[in-house]
Amino acid sequence: MGRMLALLYALAAYGVFFIVFLWFVAFVGDIREVMGFAIPTTVDAARFSAVPAMAAIVDIGLVALFGIHHSVAARLGFKEKLTRSVPKSVERSTYVLLASLLLAALMWWWHPIPASLWDLTGSALEVPVWVLFAIGWFILFTATWLLNHFELFGLQQAFHHGNPAGVPPQQMRTPGWYRLVRHPIYLGFFVALWSAVEMSAGHLVLSAAMTVYILIGIRYEERDLVDHFGEDYADYQRKVGPLLPGLGKTRG
């Protein structure tokens, strides 16, 4: 029964994540309807409004709230404290659930800033930019499967609930995209965020704020990875760049 409850909780958290993730794809692309279904909010069509300066403050605050949780709650020290209150088997699912709810809150309370910086609609660049947008999400999604999609979203941990041996330890592997860059998931986000057919001021705030979060998040994440994998990861840092192939490799 304990394993069944853990699995149901993990599946529910994953279901929330999947719905919010699809919403976020439409949100970033300003896709307002899919197969007759109206998207609740997009980066340029949200439920709230304010003067540009106030809208920017609110939007940056929403990104910061999401980013703080997404980075701080992923640290090893925070996980150790959290598992004093929740079973270790559902720690990751709890993280995924809270991150998904915060991302949903970001989209729900987003304040558009409609001023247009560029609009490629109808130009020769419109289709290539949409292709880049799709490629970004493709990189992100496939990168989650190259390592362990089920471990990343907490399903594997829940499956091993009650197992005396625990969850199999993570192995240092660099398949596919990971041979080119250390963080293909972040690279996918970066490509998708900046591949905008129409770049509004609000979209610029979202892309810039998320980019800052990604750069900060990488620094903290890599500290944990070095602590966990030791010299193997340090050697990987010397051979592969974080976001662009061949760029940003560490020295030493």
C-alpha atoms as a PDB file:
ATOM      1  CA  MET A   1       0.000   0.000   0.000  1.00  0.00           C
ATOM      2  CA  GLY A   2       2.853   2.410   0.796  1.00  0.00           C
ATOM      3  CA  ARG A   3       4.392   1.933  -2.636  1.00  0.00           C
ATOM      4  CA  MET A   4       0.989   2.319  -4.323  1.00  0.00           C
ATOM      5  CA  LEU A   5       0.345   5.622  -2.521  1.00  0.00           C
ATOM      6  CA  ALA A   6       3.834   6.864  -3.384  1.00  0.00           C
ATOM      7  CA  LEU A   7       3.306   5.950  -7.043  1.00  0.00           C
ATOM      8  CA  LEU A   8      -0.125   7.619  -7.167  1.00  0.00           C
ATOM      9  CA  TYR A   9       1.354  10.782  -5.662  1.00  0.00           C
ATOM     10  CA  ALA A  10       4.266  10.722  -8.110  1.00  0.00           C
ATOM     11  CA  LEU A  11       1.931  10.161 -11.075  1.00  0.00           C
ATOM     12  CA  ALA A  12      -0.319  13.019  -9.941  1.00  0.00           C
ATOM     13  CA  ALA A  13       2.693  15.336  -9.628  1.00  0.00           C
ATOM     14  CA  TYR A  14       3.884  14.248 -13.063  1.00  0.00           C
ATOM     15  CA  GLY A  15       0.418  14.842 -14.526  1.00  0.00           C
ATOM     16  CA  VAL A  16       0.377  18.392 -13.128  1.00  0.00           C
ATOM     17  CA  PHE A  17       3.862  18.983 -14.526  1.00  0.00           C
ATOM     18  CA  PHE A  18       2.902  17.707 -17.986  1.00  0.00           C
ATOM     19  CA  ILE A  19      -0.166  19.951 -18.232  1.00  0.00           C
ATOM     20  CA  VAL A  20       1.744  22.998 -16.976  1.00  0.00           C
ATOM     21  CA  PHE A  21       4.641  22.240 -19.329  1.00  0.00           C
ATOM     22  CA  LEU A  22       2.333  22.171 -22.367  1.00  0.00           C
ATOM     23  CA  TRP A  23       0.763  25.418 -21.166  1.00  0.00           C
ATOM     24  CA  PHE A  24       4.230  26.961 -20.858  1.00  0.00           C
ATOM     25  CA  VAL A  25       5.110  25.996 -24.439  1.00  0.00           C
ATOM     26  CA  ALA A  26       1.974  27.783 -25.650  1.00  0.00           C
ATOM     27  CA  PHE A  27       2.592  30.650 -23.213  1.00  0.00           C
ATOM     28  CA  VAL A  28       6.096  31.347 -24.557  1.00  0.00           C
ATOM     29  CA  GLY A  29       5.019  30.971 -28.187  1.00  0.00           C
ATOM     30  CA  ASP A  30       1.965  33.214 -27.641  1.00  0.00           C
ATOM     31  CA  ILE A  31      -0.163  30.383 -29.022  1.00  0.00           C
ATOM     32  CA  ARG A  32      -3.639  31.342 -27.896  1.00  0.00           C
ATOM     33  CA  GLU A  33      -5.649  28.348 -29.096  1.00  0.00           C
ATOM     34  CA  VAL A  34      -4.813  24.689 -29.705  1.00  0.00           C
ATOM     35  CA  MET A  35      -7.340  22.419 -31.447  1.00  0.00           C
ATOM     36  CA  GLY A  36     -10.190  24.700 -30.400  1.00  0.00           C
ATOM     37  CA  PHE A  37      -9.017  24.869 -26.792  1.00  0.00           C
ATOM     38  CA  ALA A  38      -8.295  28.387 -25.535  1.00  0.00           C
ATOM     39  CA  ILE A  39      -4.997  28.738 -23.655  1.00  0.00           C
ATOM     40  CA  PRO A  40      -5.654  30.483 -20.293  1.00  0.00           C
ATOM     41  CA  THR A  41      -2.815  32.999 -20.680  1.00  0.00           C
ATOM     42  CA  THR A  42       0.143  33.681 -22.947  1.00  0.00           C
ATOM     43  CA  VAL A  43       3.084  36.035 -22.683  1.00  0.00           C
ATOM     44  CA  ASP A  44       1.147  38.671 -24.651  1.00  0.00           C
ATOM     45  CA  ALA A  45      -2.418  37.780 -23.678  1.00  0.00           C
ATOM     46  CA  ALA A  46      -2.765  37.457 -19.912  1.00  0.00           C
ATOM     47  CA  ARG A  47      -5.491  38.184 -17.371  1.00  0.00           C
ATOM     48  CA  PHE A  48      -3.903  41.191 -15.664  1.00  0.00           C
ATOM     49  CA  SER A  49      -2.495  44.502 -16.810  1.00  0.00           C
ATOM     50  CA  ALA A  50      -0.489  47.392 -15.406  1.00  0.00           C
ATOM     51  CA  VAL A  51       1.654  50.266 -16.597  1.00  0.00           C
ATOM     52  CA  PRO A  52       4.877  48.932 -18.193  1.00  0.00           C
ATOM     53  CA  ALA A  53       7.177  49.681 -15.252  1.00  0.00           C
ATOM     54  CA  MET A  54       4.892  48.016 -12.715  1.00  0.00           C
ATOM     55  CA  ALA A  55       4.219  45.110 -15.059  1.00  0.00           C
ATOM     56  CA  ALA A  56       7.972  44.545 -15.444  1.00  0.00           C
ATOM     57  CA  ILE A  57       8.460  44.561 -11.654  1.00  0.00           C
ATOM     58  CA  VAL A  58       5.656  42.035 -11.130  1.00  0.00           C
ATOM     59  CA  ASP A  59       6.866  39.797 -13.956  1.00  0.00           C
ATOM     60  CA  ILE A  60      10.491  39.801 -12.791  1.00  0.00           C
ATOM     61  CA  GLY A  61       9.270  39.003  -9.285  1.00  0.00           C
ATOM     62  CA  LEU A  62       7.282  36.024 -10.601  1.00  0.00           C
ATOM     63  CA  VAL A  63      10.310  34.681 -12.477  1.00  0.00           C
ATOM     64  CA  ALA A  64      12.479  35.218  -9.391  1.00  0.00           C
ATOM     65  CA  LEU A  65      10.000  33.329  -7.184  1.00  0.00           C
ATOM     66  CA  PHE A  66       9.995  30.403  -9.584  1.00  0.00           C
ATOM     67  CA  GLY A  67      13.770  30.517  -9.992  1.00  0.00           C
ATOM     68  CA  ILE A  68      14.511  30.687  -6.264  1.00  0.00           C
ATOM     69  CA  HIS A  69      12.446  27.593  -5.569  1.00  0.00           C
ATOM     70  CA  HIS A  70      13.696  25.771  -8.658  1.00  0.00           C
ATOM     71  CA  SER A  71      17.328  26.307  -7.672  1.00  0.00           C
ATOM     72  CA  VAL A  72      17.261  26.300  -3.875  1.00  0.00           C
ATOM     73  CA  ALA A  73      14.960  23.290  -3.537  1.00  0.00           C
ATOM     74  CA  ALA A  74      17.196  21.308  -5.908  1.00  0.00           C
ATOM     75  CA  ARG A  75      20.267  21.690  -3.686  1.00  0.00           C
ATOM     76  CA  LEU A  76      21.478  18.692  -1.721  1.00  0.00           C
ATOM     77  CA  GLY A  77      21.263  20.470   1.641  1.00  0.00           C
ATOM     78  CA  PHE A  78      17.630  21.450   1.080  1.00  0.00           C
ATOM     79  CA  LYS A  79      16.758  17.906  -0.002  1.00  0.00           C
ATOM     80  CA  GLU A  80      18.250  16.507   3.186  1.00  0.00           C
ATOM     81  CA  LYS A  81      16.111  18.853   5.281  1.00  0.00           C
ATOM     82  CA  LEU A  82      12.972  18.116   3.262  1.00  0.00           C
ATOM     83  CA  THR A  83      13.337  14.358   3.679  1.00  0.00           C
ATOM     84  CA  ARG A  84      13.041  14.842   7.431  1.00  0.00           C
ATOM     85  CA  SER A  85       9.392  15.719   6.788  1.00  0.00           C
ATOM     86  CA  VAL A  86       8.479  13.679   3.676  1.00  0.00           C
ATOM     87  CA  PRO A  87       9.608  10.212   2.583  1.00  0.00           C
ATOM     88  CA  LYS A  88      12.709  10.204   0.430  1.00  0.00           C
ATOM     89  CA  SER A  89      10.778   8.301  -2.217  1.00  0.00           C
ATOM     90  CA  VAL A  90       8.501  11.289  -2.912  1.00  0.00           C
ATOM     91  CA  GLU A  91      10.985  14.114  -2.306  1.00  0.00           C
ATOM     92  CA  ARG A  92      11.566  14.594  -6.044  1.00  0.00           C
ATOM     93  CA  SER A  93       7.852  14.404  -6.866  1.00  0.00           C
ATOM     94  CA  THR A  94       7.168  17.078  -4.229  1.00  0.00           C
ATOM     95  CA  TYR A  95       9.812  19.267  -5.841  1.00  0.00           C
ATOM     96  CA  VAL A  96       8.300  18.709  -9.293  1.00  0.00           C
ATOM     97  CA  LEU A  97       4.791  19.475  -8.022  1.00  0.00           C
ATOM     98  CA  LEU A  98       5.783  22.730  -6.294  1.00  0.00           C
ATOM     99  CA  ALA A  99       7.874  23.866  -9.264  1.00  0.00           C
ATOM    100  CA  SER A 100       4.932  23.179 -11.598  1.00  0.00           C
ATOM    101  CA  LEU A 101       2.508  25.112  -9.392  1.00  0.00           C
ATOM    102  CA  LEU A 102       4.891  28.074  -9.213  1.00  0.00           C
ATOM    103  CA  LEU A 103       5.291  28.049 -12.994  1.00  0.00           C
ATOM    104  CA  ALA A 104       1.508  27.956 -13.346  1.00  0.00           C
ATOM    105  CA  ALA A 105       1.267  30.913 -10.938  1.00  0.00           C
ATOM    106  CA  LEU A 106       3.826  32.801 -13.039  1.00  0.00           C
ATOM    107  CA  MET A 107       1.712  32.329 -16.159  1.00  0.00           C
ATOM    108  CA  TRP A 108      -1.596  33.052 -14.406  1.00  0.00           C
ATOM    109  CA  TRP A 109      -0.438  36.338 -12.852  1.00  0.00           C
ATOM    110  CA  TRP A 110       1.751  37.429 -15.758  1.00  0.00           C
ATOM    111  CA  HIS A 111       1.348  41.076 -16.825  1.00  0.00           C
ATOM    112  CA  PRO A 112       1.858  41.634 -20.571  1.00  0.00           C
ATOM    113  CA  ILE A 113       3.885  44.570 -21.871  1.00  0.00           C
ATOM    114  CA  PRO A 114       2.600  44.928 -25.446  1.00  0.00           C
ATOM    115  CA  ALA A 115       5.218  47.262 -26.992  1.00  0.00           C
ATOM    116  CA  SER A 116       6.648  45.425 -30.017  1.00  0.00           C
ATOM    117  CA  LEU A 117      10.412  45.223 -30.525  1.00  0.00           C
ATOM    118  CA  TRP A 118      10.178  43.210 -33.736  1.00  0.00           C
ATOM    119  CA  ASP A 119       7.526  41.360 -35.706  1.00  0.00           C
ATOM    120  CA  LEU A 120       8.600  38.822 -38.311  1.00  0.00           C
ATOM    121  CA  THR A 121       5.064  37.761 -39.226  1.00  0.00           C
ATOM    122  CA  GLY A 122       4.797  37.372 -42.982  1.00  0.00           C
ATOM    123  CA  SER A 123       8.538  37.772 -43.539  1.00  0.00           C
ATOM    124  CA  ALA A 124      10.999  35.192 -44.854  1.00  0.00           C
ATOM    125  CA  LEU A 125      12.207  34.641 -41.275  1.00  0.00           C
ATOM    126  CA  GLU A 126       8.844  33.673 -39.784  1.00  0.00           C
ATOM    127  CA  VAL A 127       9.020  29.946 -40.591  1.00  0.00           C
ATOM    128  CA  PRO A 128      12.726  29.544 -39.652  1.00  0.00           C
ATOM    129  CA  VAL A 129      12.084  31.192 -36.281  1.00  0.00           C
ATOM    130  CA  TRP A 130       9.123  28.878 -35.604  1.00  0.00           C
ATOM    131  CA  VAL A 131      11.375  25.949 -36.530  1.00  0.00           C
ATOM    132  CA  LEU A 132      13.974  27.170 -34.023  1.00  0.00           C
ATOM    133  CA  PHE A 133      11.230  27.481 -31.406  1.00  0.00           C
ATOM    134  CA  ALA A 134      10.250  23.848 -31.998  1.00  0.00           C
ATOM    135  CA  ILE A 135      13.889  22.721 -31.981  1.00  0.00           C
ATOM    136  CA  GLY A 136      14.410  24.321 -28.566  1.00  0.00           C
ATOM    137  CA  TRP A 137      11.583  22.304 -27.017  1.00  0.00           C
ATOM    138  CA  PHE A 138      12.737  19.190 -28.868  1.00  0.00           C
ATOM    139  CA  ILE A 139      16.233  19.511 -27.383  1.00  0.00           C
ATOM    140  CA  LEU A 140      14.794  20.057 -23.910  1.00  0.00           C
ATOM    141  CA  PHE A 141      12.356  17.139 -24.054  1.00  0.00           C
ATOM    142  CA  THR A 142      14.756  14.617 -25.581  1.00  0.00           C
ATOM    143  CA  ALA A 143      17.481  15.614 -23.104  1.00  0.00           C
ATOM    144  CA  THR A 144      15.259  14.468 -20.232  1.00  0.00           C
ATOM    145  CA  TRP A 145      15.069  10.982 -21.781  1.00  0.00           C
ATOM    146  CA  LEU A 146      18.770  10.659 -22.573  1.00  0.00           C
ATOM    147  CA  LEU A 147      19.629  10.317 -18.893  1.00  0.00           C
ATOM    148  CA  ASN A 148      16.599   9.112 -16.909  1.00  0.00           C
ATOM    149  CA  HIS A 149      13.250  10.811 -17.515  1.00  0.00           C
ATOM    150  CA  PHE A 150      11.528   8.804 -14.780  1.00  0.00           C
ATOM    151  CA  GLU A 151      14.185   9.629 -12.185  1.00  0.00           C
ATOM    152  CA  LEU A 152      14.190  13.307 -13.157  1.00  0.00           C
ATOM    153  CA  PHE A 153      10.461  13.596 -12.432  1.00  0.00           C
ATOM    154  CA  GLY A 154      10.341  11.365  -9.356  1.00  0.00           C
ATOM    155  CA  LEU A 155       8.578   8.308 -10.761  1.00  0.00           C
ATOM    156  CA  GLN A 156      11.526   5.971 -10.316  1.00  0.00           C
ATOM    157  CA  GLN A 157      12.012   7.016  -6.689  1.00  0.00           C
ATOM    158  CA  ALA A 158       8.341   6.359  -5.899  1.00  0.00           C
ATOM    159  CA  PHE A 159       8.525   2.938  -7.550  1.00  0.00           C
ATOM    160  CA  HIS A 160      11.336   1.989  -5.165  1.00  0.00           C
ATOM    161  CA  HIS A 161       9.389   3.145  -2.091  1.00  0.00           C
ATOM    162  CA  GLY A 162       9.992   0.684   0.736  1.00  0.00           C
ATOM    163  CA  ASN A 163      12.827  -1.077  -1.067  1.00  0.00           C
ATOM    164  CA  PRO A 164      15.640  -1.645   1.475  1.00  0.00           C
ATOM    165  CA  ALA A 165      18.198  -1.198  -1.304  1.00  0.00           C
ATOM    166  CA  GLY A 166      16.753   2.215  -2.156  1.00  0.00           C
ATOM    167  CA  VAL A 167      16.933   3.887  -5.561  1.00  0.00           C
ATOM    168  CA  PRO A 168      19.823   2.798  -7.798  1.00  0.00           C
ATOM    169  CA  PRO A 169      22.603   5.418  -7.574  1.00  0.00           C
ATOM    170  CA  GLN A 170      23.042   7.903 -10.391  1.00  0.00           C
ATOM    171  CA  GLN A 171      25.724   7.073 -12.918  1.00  0.00           C
ATOM    172  CA  MET A 172      27.912   9.623 -14.694  1.00  0.00           C
ATOM    173  CA  ARG A 173      26.807   9.388 -18.329  1.00  0.00           C
ATOM    174  CA  THR A 174      26.997  11.851 -21.248  1.00  0.00           C
ATOM    175  CA  PRO A 175      24.829  10.493 -24.099  1.00  0.00           C
ATOM    176  CA  GLY A 176      23.523  12.422 -27.098  1.00  0.00           C
ATOM    177  CA  TRP A 177      23.217  16.160 -26.500  1.00  0.00           C
ATOM    178  CA  TYR A 178      25.342  15.786 -23.358  1.00  0.00           C
ATOM    179  CA  ARG A 179      28.370  15.110 -25.533  1.00  0.00           C
ATOM    180  CA  LEU A 180      27.986  18.611 -26.992  1.00  0.00           C
ATOM    181  CA  VAL A 181      26.903  20.674 -23.969  1.00  0.00           C
ATOM    182  CA  ARG A 182      26.658  19.995 -20.245  1.00  0.00           C
ATOM    183  CA  HIS A 183      23.143  21.412 -19.895  1.00  0.00           C
ATOM    184  CA  PRO A 184      21.028  20.655 -22.981  1.00  0.00           C
ATOM    185  CA  ILE A 185      17.800  21.149 -21.001  1.00  0.00           C
ATOM    186  CA  TYR A 186      18.779  24.749 -20.262  1.00  0.00           C
ATOM    187  CA  LEU A 187      19.972  25.153 -23.862  1.00  0.00           C
ATOM    188  CA  GLY A 188      16.536  24.062 -25.080  1.00  0.00           C
ATOM    189  CA  PHE A 189      14.887  26.634 -22.815  1.00  0.00           C
ATOM    190  CA  PHE A 190      17.257  29.318 -24.075  1.00  0.00           C
ATOM    191  CA  VAL A 191      16.561  28.571 -27.764  1.00  0.00           C
ATOM    192  CA  ALA A 192      12.781  28.415 -27.271  1.00  0.00           C
ATOM    193  CA  LEU A 193      12.609  31.603 -25.193  1.00  0.00           C
ATOM    194  CA  TRP A 194      14.513  33.725 -27.706  1.00  0.00           C
ATOM    195  CA  SER A 195      12.959  32.253 -30.878  1.00  0.00           C
ATOM    196  CA  ALA A 196      10.116  34.748 -31.018  1.00  0.00           C
ATOM    197  CA  VAL A 197       8.382  35.659 -34.271  1.00  0.00           C
ATOM    198  CA  GLU A 198       7.047  38.725 -32.465  1.00  0.00           C
ATOM    199  CA  MET A 199       9.174  40.000 -29.605  1.00  0.00           C
ATOM    200  CA  SER A 200       7.122  42.166 -27.296  1.00  0.00           C
ATOM    201  CA  ALA A 201       8.591  44.023 -24.344  1.00  0.00           C
ATOM    202  CA  GLY A 202       6.874  41.488 -22.078  1.00  0.00           C
ATOM    203  CA  HIS A 203       8.418  38.592 -23.974  1.00  0.00           C
ATOM    204  CA  LEU A 204      11.813  40.293 -23.673  1.00  0.00           C
ATOM    205  CA  VAL A 205      11.356  40.551 -19.889  1.00  0.00           C
ATOM    206  CA  LEU A 206      10.466  36.852 -19.720  1.00  0.00           C
ATOM    207  CA  SER A 207      13.390  35.761 -21.911  1.00  0.00           C
ATOM    208  CA  ALA A 208      15.935  37.993 -20.181  1.00  0.00           C
ATOM    209  CA  ALA A 209      14.796  37.103 -16.651  1.00  0.00           C
ATOM    210  CA  MET A 210      14.731  33.378 -17.432  1.00  0.00           C
ATOM    211  CA  THR A 211      18.184  33.629 -19.020  1.00  0.00           C
ATOM    212  CA  VAL A 212      19.567  35.230 -15.849  1.00  0.00           C
ATOM    213  CA  TYR A 213      17.943  32.467 -13.800  1.00  0.00           C
ATOM    214  CA  ILE A 214      19.458  29.792 -16.087  1.00  0.00           C
ATOM    215  CA  LEU A 215      22.963  31.242 -15.764  1.00  0.00           C
ATOM    216  CA  ILE A 216      22.675  31.479 -11.980  1.00  0.00           C
ATOM    217  CA  GLY A 217      21.085  28.038 -11.730  1.00  0.00           C
ATOM    218  CA  ILE A 218      23.917  26.422 -13.689  1.00  0.00           C
ATOM    219  CA  ARG A 219      26.509  27.686 -11.203  1.00  0.00           C
ATOM    220  CA  TYR A 220      24.696  26.157  -8.226  1.00  0.00           C
ATOM    221  CA  GLU A 221      23.798  22.954 -10.036  1.00  0.00           C
ATOM    222  CA  GLU A 222      27.377  22.346 -11.117  1.00  0.00           C
ATOM    223  CA  ARG A 223      28.619  22.628  -7.539  1.00  0.00           C
ATOM    224  CA  ASP A 224      26.313  19.768  -6.571  1.00  0.00           C
ATOM    225  CA  LEU A 225      27.346  17.736  -9.604  1.00  0.00           C
ATOM    226  CA  VAL A 226      31.035  18.117  -8.750  1.00  0.00           C
ATOM    227  CA  ASP A 227      30.293  17.130  -5.133  1.00  0.00           C
ATOM    228  CA  HIS A 228      28.342  14.090  -6.315  1.00  0.00           C
ATOM    229  CA  PHE A 229      30.485  12.820  -9.204  1.00  0.00           C
ATOM    230  CA  GLY A 230      33.844  14.269  -8.162  1.00  0.00           C
ATOM    231  CA  GLU A 231      36.698  14.241 -10.643  1.00  0.00           C
ATOM    232  CA  ASP A 232      34.587  12.591 -13.341  1.00  0.00           C
ATOM    233  CA  TYR A 233      32.385  15.682 -13.566  1.00  0.00           C
ATOM    234  CA  ALA A 234      35.327  18.062 -13.194  1.00  0.00           C
ATOM    235  CA  ASP A 235      36.946  16.356 -16.189  1.00  0.00           C
ATOM    236  CA  TYR A 236      33.652  16.670 -18.081  1.00  0.00           C
ATOM    237  CA  GLN A 237      33.655  20.416 -17.369  1.00  0.00           C
ATOM    238  CA  ARG A 238      37.108  20.681 -18.924  1.00  0.00           C
ATOM    239  CA  LYS A 239      35.986  18.932 -22.106  1.00  0.00           C
ATOM    240  CA  VAL A 240      32.448  20.218 -22.725  1.00  0.00           C
ATOM    241  CA  GLY A 241      30.926  23.704 -22.548  1.00  0.00           C
ATOM    242  CA  PRO A 242      27.834  24.411 -20.442  1.00  0.00           C
ATOM    243  CA  LEU A 243      25.477  25.822 -23.104  1.00  0.00           C
ATOM    244  CA  LEU A 244      27.364  26.204 -26.395  1.00  0.00           C
ATOM    245  CA  PRO A 245      29.602  23.515 -27.898  1.00  0.00           C
ATOM    246  CA  GLY A 246      33.252  24.295 -27.217  1.00  0.00           C
ATOM    247  CA  LEU A 247      32.571  27.485 -25.233  1.00  0.00           C
ATOM    248  CA  GLY A 248      32.836  27.933 -21.473  1.00  0.00           C
ATOM    249  CA  LYS A 249      34.953  24.880 -20.712  1.00  0.00           C
ATOM    250  CA  THR A 250      36.723  25.120 -17.367  1.00  0.00           C
ATOM    251  CA  ARG A 251      40.482  25.172 -17.129  1.00  0.00           C
ATOM    252  CA  GLY A 252      42.731  23.114 -14.921  1.00  0.00           C
END
